[in-house]
Protein backbone atom coordinates (compact mmCIF):
# COMPACT_ATOMS: atom_id res chain seq x y z
CA MET A 1 4.33 17.12 -5.04
CA ALA A 2 4.41 13.40 -4.24
CA VAL A 3 1.59 11.70 -2.38
CA GLU A 4 2.67 9.29 0.36
CA VAL A 5 1.21 5.78 0.38
CA LEU A 6 0.96 4.77 4.05
CA LEU A 7 -0.05 1.44 5.58
CA PRO A 8 -3.69 1.97 6.60
CA LYS A 9 -5.44 0.80 9.75
CA ILE A 10 -8.09 -1.54 8.34
CA GLY A 11 -9.51 -2.91 11.59
CA PHE A 12 -9.96 -1.58 15.12
CA SER A 13 -7.26 -3.82 16.57
CA MET A 14 -4.87 -3.72 13.59
CA ASN A 15 -1.36 -2.53 14.49
CA GLU A 16 0.61 -4.04 11.59
CA GLY A 17 0.13 -5.78 8.27
CA THR A 18 2.10 -7.78 5.73
CA LEU A 19 2.52 -6.47 2.22
CA ALA A 20 1.31 -9.41 0.11
CA GLU A 21 1.55 -8.05 -3.43
CA TRP A 22 2.01 -4.85 -5.42
CA LEU A 23 -0.70 -4.65 -8.10
CA VAL A 24 1.14 -1.84 -9.94
CA GLU A 25 4.85 -2.18 -10.78
CA ASP A 26 7.50 0.25 -9.57
CA GLY A 27 7.54 3.10 -12.08
CA GLY A 28 4.06 2.13 -13.30
CA GLN A 29 1.02 4.36 -13.42
CA ALA A 30 -1.20 4.26 -10.35
CA VAL A 31 -4.81 5.39 -10.84
CA GLU A 32 -6.70 6.99 -7.95
CA GLY A 33 -9.39 4.63 -6.64
CA GLN A 34 -7.95 1.55 -8.38
CA PRO A 35 -6.32 -1.34 -6.44
CA LEU A 36 -2.67 -0.58 -5.67
CA TYR A 37 -1.51 -3.40 -3.39
CA ALA A 38 -2.73 -6.37 -1.34
CA LEU A 39 -2.38 -6.23 2.43
CA GLU A 40 -2.58 -9.22 4.78
CA SER A 41 -3.73 -8.62 8.35
CA GLU A 42 -4.52 -11.08 11.12
CA LYS A 43 -7.98 -11.80 9.76
CA SER A 44 -7.95 -11.20 6.00
CA THR A 45 -6.23 -10.11 2.81
CA GLN A 46 -7.55 -6.92 1.24
CA GLU A 47 -6.73 -4.84 -1.80
CA VAL A 48 -5.96 -1.22 -0.95
CA GLU A 49 -6.90 1.54 -3.39
CA SER A 50 -4.50 4.15 -4.68
CA PRO A 51 -4.91 7.54 -2.97
CA ALA A 52 -3.81 9.42 -6.12
CA SER A 53 -2.91 9.07 -9.80
CA GLY A 54 0.67 9.23 -11.03
CA THR A 55 3.96 7.33 -11.18
CA LEU A 56 4.43 4.79 -8.38
CA ARG A 57 7.78 4.65 -6.54
CA ILE A 58 7.85 1.57 -4.28
CA ILE A 59 9.74 1.65 -0.99
CA ALA A 60 8.32 -1.35 0.93
CA GLN A 61 9.10 -4.94 -0.02
CA ILE A 62 6.62 -7.79 -0.56
CA GLY A 63 6.46 -10.29 2.29
CA GLU A 64 7.60 -7.82 4.95
CA THR A 65 5.46 -6.80 7.94
CA TYR A 66 5.03 -3.09 8.64
CA GLU A 67 3.36 -1.02 11.35
CA VAL A 68 0.28 1.09 10.61
CA GLY A 69 1.39 4.46 9.21
CA THR A 70 4.62 3.16 7.63
CA LEU A 71 5.54 4.76 4.29
CA LEU A 72 5.15 2.06 1.61
CA ALA A 73 5.55 4.13 -1.56
CA THR A 74 5.08 7.53 -3.12
CA ILE A 75 3.01 8.60 -6.11
CA GLY A 76 4.32 11.55 -8.09
């Protein structure tokens, strides 16, 4: 069963964020607890950890802005 990678709410007032960089390539191996992607919000850029280990399937594109809770990728 695939694990969904959703855009997290990093700050109290955060409603959206910009996907700055994928740190694991599409089809690459994500490792739970390791940095998966960089997310830019109004105040900072942060690396977000992988919620699971497995093969990453990217859906969201770098440079695009997404709302909190948007599906960015799956890990299977």
